């Protein structure tokens, strides 16, 4: 079954967090997943088992470096062909309030 997940990794109790996050993302990219990096989270899509296996391995590797918090949201309802930018544009258009002319 194809799914998508939104994942964020938060290295705890450290001054510099960029390198652990970069290594985590590189691990996700080294697998069979489609990875889309955002400013606040990363989206991955692929087969369900592959996503959970890759997330588990990437988290385990990261946790060896220190305390980590990982948040994950998973959905089997997101079409794989819709990218983050396209999804955001659709959401923004849907949420726009339509006012009648002159009002």
N, C-alpha and C. Protein backbone atom coordinates (compact mmCIF):
# COMPACT_ATOMS: atom_id res chain seq x y z
N UNK A 1 0.84 -1.17 0.00
CA UNK A 1 0.00 0.00 0.00
C UNK A 1 0.89 1.24 0.00
N UNK A 2 0.58 2.19 -0.87
CA UNK A 2 1.33 3.44 -0.93
C UNK A 2 0.80 4.41 0.12
N UNK A 3 1.72 5.07 0.82
CA UNK A 3 1.35 6.06 1.82
C UNK A 3 2.28 7.26 1.71
N UNK A 4 1.92 8.32 2.41
CA UNK A 4 2.79 9.48 2.58
C UNK A 4 2.92 9.74 4.07
N UNK A 5 4.07 10.29 4.45
CA UNK A 5 4.29 10.65 5.84
C UNK A 5 4.99 12.00 5.90
N UNK A 6 4.65 12.76 6.91
CA UNK A 6 5.34 14.02 7.18
C UNK A 6 6.13 13.79 8.46
N UNK A 7 7.42 14.03 8.40
CA UNK A 7 8.30 13.71 9.52
C UNK A 7 9.16 14.92 9.88
N UNK A 8 9.36 15.10 11.18
CA UNK A 8 10.26 16.13 11.69
C UNK A 8 11.14 15.51 12.76
N UNK A 9 12.41 15.86 12.73
CA UNK A 9 13.37 15.38 13.73
C UNK A 9 13.86 16.58 14.53
N UNK A 10 13.83 16.43 15.85
CA UNK A 10 14.26 17.51 16.74
C UNK A 10 15.39 17.00 17.64
N UNK A 11 16.64 17.35 17.32
CA UNK A 11 17.75 17.01 18.22
C UNK A 11 17.61 17.83 19.51
N UNK A 12 17.66 17.16 20.65
CA UNK A 12 17.45 17.83 21.93
C UNK A 12 18.76 18.10 22.66
N UNK A 13 18.76 19.13 23.48
CA UNK A 13 19.89 19.48 24.37
C UNK A 13 21.21 19.66 23.63
N UNK A 14 21.16 20.39 22.52
CA UNK A 14 22.39 20.70 21.79
C UNK A 14 22.28 22.08 21.19
N UNK A 15 23.43 22.70 21.02
CA UNK A 15 23.48 24.05 20.45
C UNK A 15 23.29 24.04 18.95
N UNK A 16 23.86 23.04 18.28
CA UNK A 16 23.83 22.97 16.82
C UNK A 16 22.99 21.77 16.39
N UNK A 17 21.94 22.04 15.63
CA UNK A 17 21.02 20.95 15.26
C UNK A 17 21.04 20.62 13.77
N UNK A 18 21.69 21.44 12.96
CA UNK A 18 21.62 21.26 11.50
C UNK A 18 22.23 19.94 11.04
N UNK A 19 23.41 19.59 11.54
CA UNK A 19 24.08 18.37 11.05
C UNK A 19 23.30 17.09 11.35
N UNK A 20 22.76 16.92 12.56
CA UNK A 20 21.96 15.70 12.78
C UNK A 20 20.73 15.63 11.87
N UNK A 21 20.10 16.75 11.62
CA UNK A 21 18.93 16.78 10.74
C UNK A 21 19.35 16.45 9.31
N UNK A 22 20.47 17.02 8.86
CA UNK A 22 20.95 16.73 7.51
C UNK A 22 21.28 15.25 7.35
N UNK A 23 21.92 14.65 8.34
CA UNK A 23 22.25 13.22 8.26
C UNK A 23 20.98 12.37 8.25
N UNK A 24 19.98 12.75 9.02
CA UNK A 24 18.71 12.05 9.06
C UNK A 24 18.06 12.07 7.68
N UNK A 25 18.01 13.25 7.06
CA UNK A 25 17.42 13.38 5.73
C UNK A 25 18.21 12.59 4.69
N UNK A 26 19.52 12.62 4.79
CA UNK A 26 20.35 11.85 3.85
C UNK A 26 20.05 10.36 3.96
N UNK A 27 19.82 9.90 5.18
CA UNK A 27 19.47 8.48 5.35
C UNK A 27 18.15 8.16 4.68
N UNK A 28 17.18 9.07 4.81
CA UNK A 28 15.89 8.85 4.15
C UNK A 28 16.06 8.84 2.63
N UNK A 29 16.90 9.73 2.13
CA UNK A 29 17.13 9.82 0.69
C UNK A 29 17.88 8.61 0.14
N UNK A 30 18.62 7.91 0.97
CA UNK A 30 19.40 6.76 0.50
C UNK A 30 18.53 5.52 0.29
N UNK A 31 17.30 5.58 0.75
CA UNK A 31 16.40 4.44 0.60
C UNK A 31 15.53 4.57 -0.64
N UNK A 32 14.50 3.73 -0.72
CA UNK A 32 13.64 3.69 -1.91
C UNK A 32 12.51 4.71 -1.89
N UNK A 33 12.54 5.65 -0.96
CA UNK A 33 11.44 6.60 -0.79
C UNK A 33 11.58 7.83 -1.67
N UNK A 34 10.44 8.44 -1.98
CA UNK A 34 10.45 9.78 -2.59
C UNK A 34 10.48 10.75 -1.42
N UNK A 35 11.48 11.63 -1.37
CA UNK A 35 11.68 12.53 -0.25
C UNK A 35 11.56 13.97 -0.73
N UNK A 36 10.71 14.74 -0.04
CA UNK A 36 10.55 16.15 -0.37
C UNK A 36 10.82 16.95 0.90
N UNK A 37 11.88 17.77 0.86
CA UNK A 37 12.32 18.51 2.03
C UNK A 37 11.60 19.85 2.09
N UNK A 38 11.05 20.17 3.25
CA UNK A 38 10.40 21.45 3.48
C UNK A 38 11.13 22.22 4.57
N UNK A 39 10.65 23.41 4.87
CA UNK A 39 11.29 24.24 5.89
C UNK A 39 11.10 23.70 7.30
N UNK A 40 9.94 23.14 7.58
CA UNK A 40 9.62 22.68 8.92
C UNK A 40 9.50 21.16 9.05
N UNK A 41 9.39 20.48 7.92
CA UNK A 41 9.24 19.03 7.95
C UNK A 41 9.66 18.45 6.61
N UNK A 42 9.73 17.15 6.56
CA UNK A 42 10.07 16.44 5.34
C UNK A 42 8.94 15.48 5.03
N UNK A 43 8.54 15.42 3.77
CA UNK A 43 7.51 14.48 3.35
C UNK A 43 8.18 13.31 2.63
N UNK A 44 7.73 12.12 2.95
CA UNK A 44 8.20 10.93 2.27
C UNK A 44 7.00 10.17 1.73
N UNK A 45 7.17 9.56 0.58
CA UNK A 45 6.10 8.73 0.04
C UNK A 45 6.71 7.45 -0.50
N UNK A 46 5.91 6.41 -0.47
CA UNK A 46 6.37 5.10 -0.93
C UNK A 46 5.50 4.01 -0.35
N UNK A 47 6.02 2.81 -0.39
CA UNK A 47 5.30 1.67 0.17
C UNK A 47 5.33 1.75 1.70
N UNK A 48 4.24 1.35 2.31
CA UNK A 48 4.08 1.45 3.76
C UNK A 48 5.25 0.83 4.53
N UNK A 49 5.57 -0.42 4.24
CA UNK A 49 6.66 -1.10 4.94
C UNK A 49 7.98 -0.40 4.75
N UNK A 50 8.24 0.08 3.54
CA UNK A 50 9.50 0.78 3.26
C UNK A 50 9.60 2.07 4.08
N UNK A 51 8.51 2.81 4.17
CA UNK A 51 8.54 4.07 4.94
C UNK A 51 8.84 3.78 6.40
N UNK A 52 8.12 2.84 7.00
CA UNK A 52 8.33 2.56 8.42
C UNK A 52 9.73 1.99 8.67
N UNK A 53 10.22 1.14 7.78
CA UNK A 53 11.58 0.61 7.93
C UNK A 53 12.62 1.72 7.84
N UNK A 54 12.49 2.59 6.84
CA UNK A 54 13.46 3.68 6.66
C UNK A 54 13.42 4.67 7.82
N UNK A 55 12.21 5.00 8.28
CA UNK A 55 12.10 5.92 9.42
C UNK A 55 12.73 5.31 10.67
N UNK A 56 12.49 4.03 10.89
CA UNK A 56 13.06 3.37 12.06
C UNK A 56 14.59 3.35 12.03
N UNK A 57 15.14 3.01 10.87
CA UNK A 57 16.60 2.97 10.74
C UNK A 57 17.21 4.36 10.88
N UNK A 58 16.59 5.35 10.23
CA UNK A 58 17.12 6.71 10.30
C UNK A 58 17.04 7.25 11.72
N UNK A 59 15.95 6.95 12.43
CA UNK A 59 15.84 7.42 13.81
C UNK A 59 16.86 6.73 14.71
N UNK A 60 17.03 5.43 14.53
CA UNK A 60 18.01 4.69 15.35
C UNK A 60 19.41 5.25 15.17
N UNK A 61 19.79 5.52 13.93
CA UNK A 61 21.10 6.11 13.67
C UNK A 61 21.23 7.47 14.34
N UNK A 62 20.20 8.29 14.22
CA UNK A 62 20.23 9.62 14.80
C UNK A 62 20.29 9.56 16.33
N UNK A 63 19.57 8.64 16.92
CA UNK A 63 19.51 8.52 18.37
C UNK A 63 20.85 8.10 18.97
N UNK A 64 21.72 7.51 18.16
CA UNK A 64 23.06 7.15 18.64
C UNK A 64 23.89 8.39 18.92
N UNK A 65 23.53 9.51 18.29
CA UNK A 65 24.27 10.76 18.47
C UNK A 65 23.81 11.56 19.68
N UNK A 66 22.68 11.20 20.25
CA UNK A 66 22.15 11.94 21.40
C UNK A 66 20.64 11.86 21.43
N UNK A 67 20.05 12.65 22.29
CA UNK A 67 18.60 12.62 22.47
C UNK A 67 17.90 13.24 21.27
N UNK A 68 16.88 12.56 20.77
CA UNK A 68 16.14 13.00 19.59
C UNK A 68 14.65 12.84 19.84
N UNK A 69 13.89 13.71 19.21
CA UNK A 69 12.44 13.59 19.18
C UNK A 69 12.03 13.58 17.71
N UNK A 70 11.24 12.60 17.32
CA UNK A 70 10.77 12.52 15.95
C UNK A 70 9.25 12.51 15.97
N UNK A 71 8.65 13.39 15.16
CA UNK A 71 7.20 13.37 15.00
C UNK A 71 6.89 12.90 13.59
N UNK A 72 5.83 12.09 13.46
CA UNK A 72 5.45 11.54 12.17
C UNK A 72 3.93 11.57 12.04
N UNK A 73 3.46 12.06 10.91
CA UNK A 73 2.04 11.97 10.55
C UNK A 73 1.98 11.11 9.29
N UNK A 74 1.09 10.12 9.28
CA UNK A 74 1.01 9.17 8.18
C UNK A 74 -0.40 9.17 7.60
N UNK A 75 -0.47 9.10 6.26
CA UNK A 75 -1.77 9.08 5.60
C UNK A 75 -1.73 8.13 4.41
N UNK A 76 -2.83 7.42 4.22
CA UNK A 76 -2.98 6.61 3.01
C UNK A 76 -3.99 7.26 2.07
N UNK A 77 -4.35 8.51 2.34
CA UNK A 77 -5.35 9.21 1.53
C UNK A 77 -4.76 10.28 0.63
N UNK A 78 -3.48 10.54 0.74
CA UNK A 78 -2.85 11.58 -0.08
C UNK A 78 -2.39 10.98 -1.40
N UNK A 79 -2.83 11.55 -2.51
CA UNK A 79 -2.32 11.04 -3.79
C UNK A 79 -0.83 11.30 -3.92
N UNK A 80 -0.11 10.31 -4.36
CA UNK A 80 1.35 10.42 -4.46
C UNK A 80 1.79 11.49 -5.45
N UNK A 81 0.96 11.77 -6.45
CA UNK A 81 1.36 12.71 -7.49
C UNK A 81 1.27 14.17 -7.05
N UNK A 82 0.65 14.44 -5.91
CA UNK A 82 0.52 15.82 -5.45
C UNK A 82 1.71 16.15 -4.57
N UNK A 83 2.51 17.10 -5.02
CA UNK A 83 3.66 17.56 -4.25
C UNK A 83 3.25 18.58 -3.21
N UNK A 84 4.16 18.94 -2.34
CA UNK A 84 3.89 19.89 -1.26
C UNK A 84 3.44 21.23 -1.80
N UNK A 85 4.13 21.76 -2.81
CA UNK A 85 3.76 23.07 -3.35
C UNK A 85 2.38 23.03 -3.97
N UNK A 86 2.10 21.98 -4.74
CA UNK A 86 0.80 21.87 -5.38
C UNK A 86 -0.31 21.72 -4.33
N UNK A 87 -0.05 20.93 -3.28
CA UNK A 87 -1.03 20.75 -2.21
C UNK A 87 -1.30 22.07 -1.51
N UNK A 88 -0.24 22.81 -1.18
CA UNK A 88 -0.41 24.09 -0.50
C UNK A 88 -1.21 25.07 -1.35
N UNK A 89 -0.95 25.09 -2.65
CA UNK A 89 -1.70 25.98 -3.54
C UNK A 89 -3.18 25.62 -3.54
N UNK A 90 -3.50 24.32 -3.57
CA UNK A 90 -4.90 23.90 -3.54
C UNK A 90 -5.55 24.29 -2.22
N UNK A 91 -4.83 24.10 -1.11
CA UNK A 91 -5.37 24.45 0.20
C UNK A 91 -5.60 25.95 0.30
N UNK A 92 -4.65 26.75 -0.17
CA UNK A 92 -4.80 28.21 -0.11
C UNK A 92 -6.00 28.65 -0.93
N UNK A 93 -6.18 28.08 -2.12
CA UNK A 93 -7.32 28.45 -2.95
C UNK A 93 -8.63 28.03 -2.30
N UNK A 94 -8.66 26.89 -1.65
CA UNK A 94 -9.88 26.40 -1.01
C UNK A 94 -10.26 27.27 0.19
N UNK A 95 -9.26 27.81 0.88
CA UNK A 95 -9.52 28.57 2.09
C UNK A 95 -9.75 30.05 1.86
N UNK A 96 -9.63 30.50 0.61
CA UNK A 96 -9.86 31.92 0.32
C UNK A 96 -11.35 32.22 0.45
N UNK A 97 -11.64 33.31 1.12
CA UNK A 97 -13.02 33.75 1.25
C UNK A 97 -13.43 34.50 -0.01
N UNK A 98 -14.56 34.13 -0.56
CA UNK A 98 -15.06 34.77 -1.75
C UNK A 98 -16.08 35.84 -1.36
N UNK A 99 -15.80 37.08 -1.65
CA UNK A 99 -16.72 38.17 -1.36
C UNK A 99 -17.41 38.61 -2.64
N UNK A 100 -18.70 38.97 -2.53
CA UNK A 100 -19.37 39.49 -3.73
C UNK A 100 -18.79 40.84 -4.12
N UNK A 101 -18.87 41.20 -5.38
CA UNK A 101 -18.35 42.50 -5.82
C UNK A 101 -18.99 43.63 -5.02
N UNK A 102 -18.14 44.56 -4.59
CA UNK A 102 -18.62 45.73 -3.85
C UNK A 102 -18.94 45.45 -2.41
N UNK A 103 -18.63 44.28 -1.89
CA UNK A 103 -19.05 44.00 -0.55
C UNK A 103 -18.01 43.50 0.32
